Amino acid sequence: MITNSIKFAGISGKILKSSPHGNFQVVQLSKRVIICGTFSNKFNWSEIPEHQSGFESFITYIGCKSKTEYPKLKNIIQTLDGHCEELRQAKRSLDFPLEFKVRELTPESVKRLVKSLK
């Protein structure tokens, strides 16, 4: 059975894209928070596994409205022990003009982040 949703840390997410080889999925957890999860971690990402989804590893993407909003969002991420990369034109968070990649969040931190950004 093919489904267009997945559970991640108790959050129902919409699958936006699946790789042809089945190694990763791009999942929208909220309007602003998107993850890219891998089932095999062949990319050697440092993220922690999330058992409910089956992801061995994942990276989080945060949609951002403007360059002036970025420092506020970055501060929230850092309180959750995440590491932010530079702001860029949105590739995954298509509801926003900009986005940034966040590494090393735990599934619980992603859950707290989604809740705090509502």
C-alpha atoms as a PDB file:
ATOM      1  CA  MET A   1       0.000   0.000   0.000  1.00  0.00           C
ATOM      2  CA  ILE A   2       1.397   3.390  -1.017  1.00  0.00           C
ATOM      3  CA  THR A   3       0.891   6.222   1.444  1.00  0.00           C
ATOM      4  CA  ASN A   4       1.643   9.915   1.229  1.00  0.00           C
ATOM      5  CA  SER A   5       2.161  10.367   4.957  1.00  0.00           C
ATOM      6  CA  ILE A   6       4.537   9.181   7.642  1.00  0.00           C
ATOM      7  CA  LYS A   7       4.821   9.529  11.418  1.00  0.00           C
ATOM      8  CA  PHE A   8       7.956  11.206  12.726  1.00  0.00           C
ATOM      9  CA  ALA A   9       8.376  11.700  16.489  1.00  0.00           C
ATOM     10  CA  GLY A  10       4.601  11.523  16.867  1.00  0.00           C
ATOM     11  CA  ILE A  11       3.959  14.131  14.141  1.00  0.00           C
ATOM     12  CA  SER A  12       2.005  13.197  11.007  1.00  0.00           C
ATOM     13  CA  GLY A  13       4.060  14.411   8.074  1.00  0.00           C
ATOM     14  CA  LYS A  14       3.246  14.691   4.401  1.00  0.00           C
ATOM     15  CA  ILE A  15       5.703  12.946   2.074  1.00  0.00           C
ATOM     16  CA  LEU A  16       6.675  15.502  -0.570  1.00  0.00           C
ATOM     17  CA  LYS A  17       9.227  13.388  -2.419  1.00  0.00           C
ATOM     18  CA  SER A  18      10.692   9.902  -2.333  1.00  0.00           C
ATOM     19  CA  SER A  19      13.918   8.971  -4.043  1.00  0.00           C
ATOM     20  CA  PRO A  20      13.595   6.506  -6.932  1.00  0.00           C
ATOM     21  CA  HIS A  21      15.854   4.019  -5.121  1.00  0.00           C
ATOM     22  CA  GLY A  22      13.869   4.336  -1.881  1.00  0.00           C
ATOM     23  CA  ASN A  23      16.774   5.580   0.216  1.00  0.00           C
ATOM     24  CA  PHE A  24      15.292   8.898   1.358  1.00  0.00           C
ATOM     25  CA  GLN A  25      12.072  10.859   1.718  1.00  0.00           C
ATOM     26  CA  VAL A  26      11.380  14.571   2.010  1.00  0.00           C
ATOM     27  CA  VAL A  27       8.650  15.098   4.610  1.00  0.00           C
ATOM     28  CA  GLN A  28       6.766  18.261   5.552  1.00  0.00           C
ATOM     29  CA  LEU A  29       6.077  18.279   9.296  1.00  0.00           C
ATOM     30  CA  SER A  30       4.598  21.789   9.359  1.00  0.00           C
ATOM     31  CA  LYS A  31       4.377  24.718   6.975  1.00  0.00           C
ATOM     32  CA  ARG A  32       7.869  25.805   8.048  1.00  0.00           C
ATOM     33  CA  VAL A  33       9.632  22.549   9.055  1.00  0.00           C
ATOM     34  CA  ILE A  34      10.676  19.932   6.502  1.00  0.00           C
ATOM     35  CA  ILE A  35      12.972  16.970   7.004  1.00  0.00           C
ATOM     36  CA  CYS A  36      14.915  14.801   4.622  1.00  0.00           C
ATOM     37  CA  GLY A  37      15.199  11.350   6.127  1.00  0.00           C
ATOM     38  CA  THR A  38      17.282   8.426   4.940  1.00  0.00           C
ATOM     39  CA  PHE A  39      16.628   4.758   5.599  1.00  0.00           C
ATOM     40  CA  SER A  40      20.209   3.585   5.059  1.00  0.00           C
ATOM     41  CA  ASN A  41      22.309   6.653   5.946  1.00  0.00           C
ATOM     42  CA  LYS A  42      24.635   5.972   3.039  1.00  0.00           C
ATOM     43  CA  PHE A  43      25.380   9.724   3.102  1.00  0.00           C
ATOM     44  CA  ASN A  44      26.916   9.378   6.600  1.00  0.00           C
ATOM     45  CA  TRP A  45      24.863  12.163   8.179  1.00  0.00           C
ATOM     46  CA  SER A  46      25.487  12.592  11.902  1.00  0.00           C
ATOM     47  CA  GLU A  47      21.835  12.797  12.899  1.00  0.00           C
ATOM     48  CA  ILE A  48      20.169  10.481  15.376  1.00  0.00           C
ATOM     49  CA  PRO A  49      17.805   7.728  14.138  1.00  0.00           C
ATOM     50  CA  GLU A  50      14.032   8.189  14.476  1.00  0.00           C
ATOM     51  CA  HIS A  51      12.404   4.827  15.079  1.00  0.00           C
ATOM     52  CA  GLN A  52       8.752   5.624  14.335  1.00  0.00           C
ATOM     53  CA  SER A  53       9.544   6.658  10.741  1.00  0.00           C
ATOM     54  CA  GLY A  54      12.357   4.153  10.294  1.00  0.00           C
ATOM     55  CA  PHE A  55      14.843   6.876   9.352  1.00  0.00           C
ATOM     56  CA  GLU A  56      18.427   6.028  10.239  1.00  0.00           C
ATOM     57  CA  SER A  57      19.306   9.700   9.890  1.00  0.00           C
ATOM     58  CA  PHE A  58      17.700  13.004   8.912  1.00  0.00           C
ATOM     59  CA  ILE A  59      18.387  16.668   8.214  1.00  0.00           C
ATOM     60  CA  THR A  60      15.935  19.452   9.042  1.00  0.00           C
ATOM     61  CA  TYR A  61      15.093  22.435   6.827  1.00  0.00           C
ATOM     62  CA  ILE A  62      13.446  25.582   8.204  1.00  0.00           C
ATOM     63  CA  GLY A  63      11.512  28.013   6.019  1.00  0.00           C
ATOM     64  CA  CYS A  64      12.367  31.662   6.612  1.00  0.00           C
ATOM     65  CA  LYS A  65      10.498  34.824   5.569  1.00  0.00           C
ATOM     66  CA  SER A  66      13.460  37.213   5.465  1.00  0.00           C
ATOM     67  CA  LYS A  67      17.108  37.757   6.356  1.00  0.00           C
ATOM     68  CA  THR A  68      15.993  39.703   9.433  1.00  0.00           C
ATOM     69  CA  GLU A  69      13.953  36.727  10.703  1.00  0.00           C
ATOM     70  CA  TYR A  70      16.922  34.341  10.446  1.00  0.00           C
ATOM     71  CA  PRO A  71      18.733  35.358  13.695  1.00  0.00           C
ATOM     72  CA  LYS A  72      15.543  34.789  15.734  1.00  0.00           C
ATOM     73  CA  LEU A  73      15.008  31.327  14.222  1.00  0.00           C
ATOM     74  CA  LYS A  74      18.694  30.495  14.592  1.00  0.00           C
ATOM     75  CA  ASN A  75      18.505  31.345  18.296  1.00  0.00           C
ATOM     76  CA  ILE A  76      15.534  28.972  18.760  1.00  0.00           C
ATOM     77  CA  ILE A  77      17.430  26.180  16.962  1.00  0.00           C
ATOM     78  CA  GLN A  78      20.551  26.710  19.061  1.00  0.00           C
ATOM     79  CA  THR A  79      18.534  26.341  22.286  1.00  0.00           C
ATOM     80  CA  LEU A  80      17.593  22.880  20.952  1.00  0.00           C
ATOM     81  CA  ASP A  81      21.293  22.048  20.313  1.00  0.00           C
ATOM     82  CA  GLY A  82      20.938  22.234  16.533  1.00  0.00           C
ATOM     83  CA  HIS A  83      23.591  23.630  14.215  1.00  0.00           C
ATOM     84  CA  CYS A  84      22.356  26.052  11.547  1.00  0.00           C
ATOM     85  CA  GLU A  85      23.869  26.460   8.118  1.00  0.00           C
ATOM     86  CA  GLU A  86      23.722  29.638   6.052  1.00  0.00           C
ATOM     87  CA  LEU A  87      20.474  31.084   4.793  1.00  0.00           C
ATOM     88  CA  ARG A  88      19.772  30.250   1.133  1.00  0.00           C
ATOM     89  CA  GLN A  89      17.053  30.455  -1.475  1.00  0.00           C
ATOM     90  CA  ALA A  90      14.367  27.893  -0.602  1.00  0.00           C
ATOM     91  CA  LYS A  91      14.704  24.494  -2.309  1.00  0.00           C
ATOM     92  CA  ARG A  92      12.613  22.385   0.081  1.00  0.00           C
ATOM     93  CA  SER A  93      10.482  24.927   2.014  1.00  0.00           C
ATOM     94  CA  LEU A  94       8.554  26.182  -0.990  1.00  0.00           C
ATOM     95  CA  ASP A  95       6.078  28.215   1.102  1.00  0.00           C
ATOM     96  CA  PHE A  96       8.990  30.526   2.011  1.00  0.00           C
ATOM     97  CA  PRO A  97      11.468  32.515  -0.081  1.00  0.00           C
ATOM     98  CA  LEU A  98      14.435  31.404   2.072  1.00  0.00           C
ATOM     99  CA  GLU A  99      15.463  28.395   4.139  1.00  0.00           C
ATOM    100  CA  PHE A 100      18.352  27.033   6.112  1.00  0.00           C
ATOM    101  CA  LYS A 101      19.549  23.554   6.906  1.00  0.00           C
ATOM    102  CA  VAL A 102      19.825  22.368  10.508  1.00  0.00           C
ATOM    103  CA  ARG A 103      21.971  19.439  11.586  1.00  0.00           C
ATOM    104  CA  GLU A 104      22.163  17.390  14.777  1.00  0.00           C
ATOM    105  CA  LEU A 105      18.644  17.901  16.105  1.00  0.00           C
ATOM    106  CA  THR A 106      17.152  14.932  17.911  1.00  0.00           C
ATOM    107  CA  PRO A 107      13.649  13.756  16.967  1.00  0.00           C
ATOM    108  CA  GLU A 108      12.383  15.181  20.275  1.00  0.00           C
ATOM    109  CA  SER A 109      13.989  18.540  19.445  1.00  0.00           C
ATOM    110  CA  VAL A 110      12.274  18.557  16.038  1.00  0.00           C
ATOM    111  CA  LYS A 111       8.963  17.871  17.780  1.00  0.00           C
ATOM    112  CA  ARG A 112       9.566  20.803  20.168  1.00  0.00           C
ATOM    113  CA  LEU A 113      10.614  23.000  17.252  1.00  0.00           C
ATOM    114  CA  VAL A 114       7.446  22.269  15.263  1.00  0.00           C
ATOM    115  CA  LYS A 115       5.362  23.073  18.318  1.00  0.00           C
ATOM    116  CA  SER A 116       7.222  26.316  19.041  1.00  0.00           C
ATOM    117  CA  LEU A 117       6.985  27.588  15.442  1.00  0.00           C
ATOM    118  CA  LYS A 118       3.212  27.196  15.106  1.00  0.00           C
END
